[in-house]
Protein backbone atom coordinates (compact mmCIF):
# COMPACT_ATOMS: atom_id res chain seq x y z
CA MET A 1 -108.94 81.38 -36.78
CA THR A 2 -109.49 78.35 -33.83
CA VAL A 3 -109.89 79.55 -30.60
CA THR A 4 -108.74 76.86 -28.20
CA SER A 5 -110.59 77.08 -25.05
CA MET A 6 -107.85 76.85 -21.76
CA PRO A 7 -108.75 73.81 -19.64
CA ARG A 8 -110.95 74.93 -16.64
CA ALA A 9 -109.69 73.98 -12.97
CA ALA A 10 -111.05 71.04 -11.34
CA GLY A 11 -114.59 72.52 -9.47
CA ALA A 12 -113.93 75.89 -11.33
CA ASP A 13 -117.83 75.56 -13.00
CA GLN A 14 -118.85 74.68 -9.28
CA PRO A 15 -120.49 77.62 -7.47
CA ARG A 16 -118.70 78.83 -4.66
CA ARG A 17 -119.86 77.83 -1.66
CA ALA A 18 -120.70 81.05 1.04
CA PRO A 19 -119.98 80.36 4.39
CA ALA A 20 -121.87 79.41 6.87
CA ARG A 21 -124.59 82.53 7.90
CA GLY A 22 -123.77 83.33 11.84
CA ALA A 23 -121.22 81.09 12.09
CA ALA A 24 -118.48 84.26 12.36
CA PRO A 25 -120.92 86.01 15.05
CA ARG A 26 -121.33 83.26 17.03
CA ARG A 27 -117.15 82.55 17.23
CA ARG A 28 -117.26 86.31 18.27
CA ARG A 29 -120.16 86.19 20.69
CA SER A 30 -117.88 83.00 22.01
CA ARG A 31 -115.13 84.88 22.10
CA ILE A 32 -116.33 87.86 24.20
CA ILE A 33 -118.25 85.60 26.30
CA VAL A 34 -115.20 83.67 27.60
CA SER A 35 -112.85 86.78 27.90
CA ARG A 36 -115.85 88.19 30.00
CA LEU A 37 -115.90 84.99 31.95
CA GLY A 38 -112.21 85.17 32.74
CA GLY A 39 -112.08 88.88 33.25
CA GLY A 40 -114.94 88.24 36.11
CA LEU A 41 -112.94 85.11 37.65
CA ALA A 42 -109.56 87.37 37.58
CA VAL A 43 -111.40 90.20 39.91
CA LEU A 44 -113.23 87.13 41.99
CA VAL A 45 -109.62 85.42 42.95
CA PRO A 46 -108.47 88.56 44.95
CA ILE A 47 -111.58 89.67 46.37
CA VAL A 48 -112.27 85.98 47.89
CA LEU A 49 -108.64 86.58 49.28
CA ILE A 50 -109.09 89.31 50.86
CA SER A 51 -112.26 89.17 52.24
CA THR A 52 -111.29 85.65 53.66
CA PHE A 53 -108.02 87.14 55.27
CA ILE A 54 -110.47 90.18 56.88
CA THR A 55 -112.77 86.96 57.77
CA TYR A 56 -109.93 85.43 59.60
CA SER A 57 -108.36 88.59 61.18
CA LEU A 58 -110.89 89.41 63.08
CA GLY A 59 -110.97 85.88 64.44
CA ALA A 60 -107.61 85.91 65.06
CA LEU A 61 -107.48 89.30 66.26
CA SER A 62 -110.46 89.05 68.81
CA ASN A 63 -109.22 89.35 72.42
CA SER A 64 -110.84 85.58 73.16
CA ASN A 65 -108.21 83.46 73.52
CA PRO A 66 -108.99 79.92 71.90
CA ALA A 67 -106.75 77.75 74.44
CA ALA A 68 -108.26 78.82 77.65
CA THR A 69 -111.68 78.55 76.13
CA ILE A 70 -111.46 74.85 74.97
CA LEU A 71 -109.63 74.04 78.74
CA GLY A 72 -111.79 75.62 81.05
CA GLN A 73 -111.03 77.70 83.78
CA ASP A 74 -109.51 74.98 86.18
CA ALA A 75 -107.23 73.99 83.60
CA ALA A 76 -106.09 76.74 81.75
CA THR A 77 -102.19 77.17 83.28
CA PRO A 78 -100.30 79.32 81.18
CA ALA A 79 -98.24 75.78 80.38
CA ALA A 80 -101.31 73.81 79.59
CA VAL A 81 -102.80 77.25 77.70
CA ALA A 82 -99.07 77.71 75.61
CA ARG A 83 -99.20 73.84 74.69
CA LEU A 84 -102.40 73.98 73.12
CA ASN A 85 -101.81 77.26 71.60
CA HIS A 86 -98.71 75.04 69.54
CA ALA A 87 -100.83 72.62 69.21
CA LEU A 88 -103.67 74.57 67.36
CA GLY A 89 -100.85 76.75 65.12
CA LEU A 90 -101.87 79.87 67.19
CA ASP A 91 -98.49 80.72 68.23
CA HIS A 92 -97.45 81.21 64.65
CA PRO A 93 -97.75 85.05 63.10
CA LEU A 94 -100.93 86.06 61.55
CA ILE A 95 -99.91 85.76 57.90
CA VAL A 96 -98.40 82.26 58.85
CA GLN A 97 -101.97 81.48 60.80
CA TYR A 98 -104.07 82.88 57.54
CA TRP A 99 -102.18 80.63 55.11
CA ASN A 100 -102.52 77.56 56.54
CA TRP A 101 -105.99 78.04 57.09
CA LEU A 102 -106.55 78.97 53.36
CA THR A 103 -104.55 76.20 52.07
CA GLN A 104 -106.74 73.93 54.38
CA ALA A 105 -109.92 75.55 53.38
CA ALA A 106 -109.14 75.10 49.80
CA HIS A 107 -108.88 71.09 50.41
CA GLY A 108 -112.54 71.54 52.36
CA ASN A 109 -110.91 71.41 55.92
CA LEU A 110 -111.99 74.16 57.73
CA GLY A 111 -111.11 73.09 61.41
CA ARG A 112 -113.25 71.87 64.11
CA SER A 113 -115.37 73.40 66.62
CA TYR A 114 -113.67 74.31 70.03
CA PHE A 115 -116.66 73.13 72.03
CA THR A 116 -118.05 70.03 69.92
CA GLN A 117 -114.85 69.21 68.32
CA ILE A 118 -117.31 68.32 65.17
CA PRO A 119 -115.82 69.25 61.77
CA VAL A 120 -117.13 72.92 60.63
CA ALA A 121 -117.37 71.81 57.15
CA GLN A 122 -119.88 68.70 58.45
CA SER A 123 -121.97 71.68 60.24
CA ILE A 124 -122.03 73.67 57.67
CA ALA A 125 -123.12 71.15 55.36
CA GLN A 126 -125.98 69.86 57.73
CA ARG A 127 -127.32 73.26 57.73
CA LEU A 128 -126.48 74.37 54.53
CA PRO A 129 -129.85 73.06 52.98
CA VAL A 130 -131.94 74.94 55.20
CA ASP A 131 -130.57 78.37 53.54
CA LEU A 132 -130.19 77.61 50.86
CA SER A 133 -133.29 75.95 50.10
CA ILE A 134 -134.90 79.83 51.35
CA ALA A 135 -132.52 81.59 49.63
CA VAL A 136 -133.63 79.61 46.14
CA LEU A 137 -137.06 80.11 46.77
CA ALA A 138 -137.02 83.79 47.95
CA VAL A 139 -134.99 84.75 44.59
CA ILE A 140 -137.72 83.19 42.71
CA LEU A 141 -140.65 84.43 44.21
CA ALA A 142 -138.77 87.98 44.05
CA ALA A 143 -138.41 87.38 40.54
CA VAL A 144 -141.63 86.48 39.59
CA ILE A 145 -143.82 88.45 41.98
CA GLY A 146 -141.73 91.79 41.28
CA GLY A 147 -141.11 90.96 37.83
CA GLY A 148 -144.71 90.18 37.09
CA ALA A 149 -145.87 93.36 38.63
CA GLY A 150 -143.74 95.74 37.31
CA MET A 151 -144.11 94.69 34.09
CA ILE A 152 -148.18 94.94 33.90
CA ALA A 153 -147.57 98.26 35.46
CA ALA A 154 -145.47 99.07 32.92
CA ILE A 155 -147.83 98.00 30.29
CA ARG A 156 -150.89 99.43 31.97
CA ARG A 157 -148.97 103.25 32.99
CA GLY A 158 -151.40 105.64 34.64
CA GLY A 159 -154.17 102.55 35.46
CA TRP A 160 -155.19 101.61 38.77
CA PHE A 161 -152.95 98.34 38.57
CA ASP A 162 -149.97 101.04 38.59
CA ARG A 163 -151.13 103.16 41.14
CA GLY A 164 -151.76 99.40 43.75
CA VAL A 165 -148.41 98.90 42.60
CA THR A 166 -146.74 101.78 43.68
CA VAL A 167 -148.63 102.02 47.17
CA ALA A 168 -148.11 97.74 47.76
CA CYS A 169 -144.45 98.42 46.95
CA SER A 170 -143.82 101.36 49.20
CA ALA A 171 -145.90 99.79 52.12
CA ALA A 172 -143.27 96.25 51.68
CA SER A 173 -140.46 98.27 51.71
CA THR A 174 -140.86 99.65 55.26
CA LEU A 175 -141.15 96.33 56.53
CA PRO A 176 -138.68 94.14 58.14
CA ALA A 177 -138.96 90.34 57.10
CA PHE A 178 -139.25 89.07 61.04
CA VAL A 179 -142.24 91.66 60.60
CA VAL A 180 -143.65 90.09 57.69
CA GLY A 181 -142.81 87.11 59.38
CA ILE A 182 -145.09 87.03 61.88
CA ILE A 183 -147.73 88.38 59.97
CA LEU A 184 -147.48 85.39 57.22
CA VAL A 185 -147.71 83.13 60.58
CA VAL A 186 -150.60 84.55 62.28
CA LEU A 187 -152.31 84.60 58.51
CA PHE A 188 -151.60 81.27 57.09
CA ALA A 189 -150.56 79.41 60.42
CA VAL A 190 -152.44 80.17 63.03
CA THR A 191 -155.98 81.77 61.27
CA ALA A 192 -156.08 79.69 58.48
CA HIS A 193 -154.33 76.43 59.50
CA LEU A 194 -153.16 76.10 55.69
CA LEU A 195 -149.30 76.18 56.58
CA PRO A 196 -147.18 75.08 59.22
CA ALA A 197 -145.77 77.68 61.74
CA ASN A 198 -142.00 76.24 62.57
CA GLY A 199 -139.81 73.55 61.91
CA TYR A 200 -137.70 72.41 58.74
CA VAL A 201 -138.80 69.25 56.62
CA GLY A 202 -136.01 68.07 53.97
CA PRO A 203 -136.84 67.55 50.18
CA SER A 204 -135.62 63.72 50.72
CA THR A 205 -138.21 63.33 53.17
CA SER A 206 -141.40 65.10 51.63
CA ILE A 207 -141.43 67.76 48.72
CA ALA A 208 -144.72 68.26 49.30
CA GLN A 209 -143.78 68.62 53.25
CA TRP A 210 -140.73 70.77 52.68
CA LEU A 211 -142.57 73.22 50.31
CA ALA A 212 -144.99 74.04 52.79
CA HIS A 213 -142.39 74.66 55.46
CA ILE A 214 -140.06 76.90 53.71
CA ILE A 215 -142.69 78.93 51.78
CA LEU A 216 -143.25 81.03 54.26
CA PRO A 217 -139.91 82.08 55.39
CA SER A 218 -138.99 82.51 51.58
CA LEU A 219 -142.09 84.92 51.22
CA ALA A 220 -140.82 87.15 54.23
CA LEU A 221 -137.58 87.59 53.17
CA SER A 222 -138.90 88.01 49.03
CA LEU A 223 -141.45 90.57 50.02
CA ALA A 224 -139.05 94.08 50.35
CA VAL A 225 -136.71 92.56 47.09
CA SER A 226 -140.70 92.01 45.14
CA ALA A 227 -141.10 95.61 45.59
CA ASP A 228 -137.30 96.99 44.69
CA ILE A 229 -137.58 94.80 41.27
CA ALA A 230 -141.44 96.10 40.56
CA ARG A 231 -140.33 100.06 40.91
CA GLN A 232 -137.21 99.67 38.87
CA LEU A 233 -138.65 97.49 36.59
CA ARG A 234 -141.86 99.64 36.14
CA THR A 235 -139.45 102.38 35.41
CA SER A 236 -137.13 101.21 32.98
CA LEU A 237 -139.69 99.14 31.09
CA VAL A 238 -141.63 102.52 30.43
CA GLU A 239 -138.44 104.52 29.41
CA VAL A 240 -137.68 101.57 27.12
CA LEU A 241 -141.21 101.51 25.43
CA GLU A 242 -141.26 104.91 24.37
CA GLN A 243 -138.13 104.28 22.33
CA ASN A 244 -138.19 104.90 18.70
CA TYR A 245 -136.92 101.45 17.56
CA ILE A 246 -140.00 100.05 19.64
CA VAL A 247 -141.90 102.49 18.17
CA GLY A 248 -141.14 101.64 14.68
CA ALA A 249 -141.10 97.80 15.61
CA ARG A 250 -145.00 97.96 16.22
CA VAL A 251 -145.15 99.94 13.05
CA ARG A 252 -144.19 97.33 10.80
CA GLY A 253 -146.94 95.43 12.43
CA LEU A 254 -144.68 92.88 14.95
CA PRO A 255 -146.55 91.17 17.36
CA TYR A 256 -146.49 93.00 20.46
CA ARG A 257 -145.76 89.90 22.63
CA ARG A 258 -142.69 89.32 20.72
CA ILE A 259 -141.81 93.10 21.37
CA LEU A 260 -141.98 93.14 24.63
CA VAL A 261 -140.46 89.66 25.23
CA ARG A 262 -137.33 90.25 23.25
CA HIS A 263 -136.68 93.59 22.73
CA ALA A 264 -137.84 95.64 25.17
CA LEU A 265 -138.32 93.75 28.94
CA ARG A 266 -134.36 92.72 27.82
CA ASN A 267 -132.98 95.91 27.32
CA ALA A 268 -135.11 97.25 30.58
CA ALA A 269 -134.23 93.82 32.47
CA GLY A 270 -130.36 94.99 33.60
CA PRO A 271 -131.41 97.25 37.17
CA ALA A 272 -134.31 95.04 38.28
CA LEU A 273 -131.50 92.01 37.49
CA THR A 274 -128.49 94.10 39.44
CA ILE A 275 -130.89 94.89 42.19
CA LEU A 276 -131.67 91.17 42.70
CA GLY A 277 -128.11 90.37 42.94
CA ASN A 278 -127.17 93.66 45.23
CA ASP A 279 -129.97 92.11 47.40
CA PHE A 280 -128.89 88.87 47.90
CA PRO A 281 -126.70 89.63 50.96
CA LEU A 282 -129.94 90.80 52.26
CA MET A 283 -131.33 87.98 51.86
CA LEU A 284 -128.59 85.68 53.46
CA ALA A 285 -128.43 88.94 56.52
CA GLY A 286 -132.54 88.34 56.64
CA ALA A 287 -132.03 84.60 56.83
CA VAL A 288 -131.44 84.95 61.16
CA ALA A 289 -134.22 87.02 61.50
CA ALA A 290 -136.39 84.62 59.59
CA GLU A 291 -134.60 81.65 61.45
CA ALA A 292 -135.32 82.64 64.79
CA VAL A 293 -139.36 83.47 63.95
CA PHE A 294 -139.62 79.95 61.96
CA SER A 295 -137.69 78.01 64.26
CA LEU A 296 -135.13 76.90 61.53
CA PRO A 297 -131.81 75.13 61.82
CA GLY A 298 -130.30 77.07 59.20
CA LEU A 299 -126.67 78.85 59.00
CA GLY A 300 -127.83 82.19 60.73
CA GLN A 301 -128.86 80.38 64.11
CA LEU A 302 -125.44 78.76 63.82
CA LEU A 303 -123.38 81.76 63.25
CA LEU A 304 -125.30 83.64 65.89
CA GLN A 305 -124.75 80.56 68.60
CA SER A 306 -120.61 80.70 67.74
CA ALA A 307 -120.37 84.24 67.79
CA GLN A 308 -122.13 84.47 71.71
CA THR A 309 -119.79 81.12 72.34
CA ARG A 310 -117.11 82.98 70.74
CA ASP A 311 -116.30 79.76 68.96
CA ILE A 312 -113.85 81.46 66.43
CA PRO A 313 -113.74 78.28 63.92
CA VAL A 314 -117.15 78.22 63.24
CA VAL A 315 -117.49 81.57 62.84
CA GLN A 316 -114.51 81.84 60.27
CA GLY A 317 -115.96 79.18 58.50
CA LEU A 318 -119.66 80.69 57.74
CA LEU A 319 -118.22 83.71 57.29
CA LEU A 320 -116.00 82.21 54.39
CA VAL A 321 -119.11 80.48 52.94
CA ILE A 322 -121.30 83.43 52.75
CA SER A 323 -118.71 85.38 51.40
CA CYS A 324 -118.17 82.84 48.53
CA PHE A 325 -121.63 82.35 47.82
CA VAL A 326 -122.30 86.17 47.53
CA ILE A 327 -119.34 86.64 45.52
CA VAL A 328 -119.92 83.69 42.91
CA VAL A 329 -123.75 84.89 42.92
CA ASN A 330 -122.31 88.58 42.01
CA LEU A 331 -120.26 87.00 39.12
CA ILE A 332 -123.63 85.34 37.82
CA VAL A 333 -125.41 88.60 38.08
CA ASN A 334 -122.68 90.33 35.90
CA THR A 335 -122.03 87.62 33.06
CA THR A 336 -126.18 87.58 32.81
CA LEU A 337 -126.49 91.52 32.39
CA ASN A 338 -123.36 91.16 29.61
CA TRP A 339 -125.68 88.96 27.84
CA LEU A 340 -128.19 90.54 27.87
CA TYR A 341 -126.36 93.86 26.85
CA ARG A 342 -124.64 92.21 24.02
CA ALA A 343 -126.62 93.42 21.55
CA ASN A 344 -125.07 96.85 21.97
CA ASP A 345 -121.49 95.36 21.28
CA GLY A 346 -122.26 93.87 18.08
CA ILE A 347 -122.77 90.38 19.23
CA GLY A 348 -126.84 90.32 20.04
CA THR A 349 -129.13 88.60 17.81
């Protein structure tokens, strides 16, 4: 009996190609990250609306009379005040005033100063680079100093370095930023003549001079945050290093540096990163004192001067920019925390 073989389908003799390794986890990781970003933005929008409404209401419900302030005591007749209030849109209900201001602010128009008639957006744009330079450098210094000190203290826990970090952090947490600024000026500007004591030079003029002028105020703002980061990272890292999976990785012979950076530090950095995000508003608030000590033309001085003169549009514009800046930083911190903890959700490596 002859057995006739059935014809094979085209490509049947070829081995099946296995799906690309890691493709599914990458797609799942992308979907989760996008969904978390979307959730963060969904929370961000109402927070911005609430914070801006409170900001605007504080100015609109104050006892100041903008029209009378602009016209002056001699020209502020009832008829003139009424005409100017109508021209400024201040005779509308509060919710209408807020909506008009918000729609204009969304297009970059934050109004004009009552006294100088300079656009608020222009005044903020001129001074914002000063505060951004100080804040960004302060964050970097806090992460480097606090992170490095906390990590070394955890690795050498119980030693002299660990005890020294604990004492230094306790001392740094009790010193306000302006006191630290005065001490730094005395040490590095007056005594050693290494750095300038005041003023500001933009990076477009000279990178070296720019760094020289912002290093002391940035260091003054970052010292207390560095202490908080060091203590929190030291505590978290000591706890993580005693976990069973870290001990097992060391038993299997994995390099200690890889264990520390890729596994232990990732799981221990979350609380320290949260502190950095929560303390960022304190850095902005402390910028007022730092600008006063170092004579910097930043947003803090502009806010202080505008509050003293009751220049409501400038105050409202500054509070709006600062609020949005803080909210965006918190969103970035939360997104980074989700990325750090993605291994717990099955999307890590």
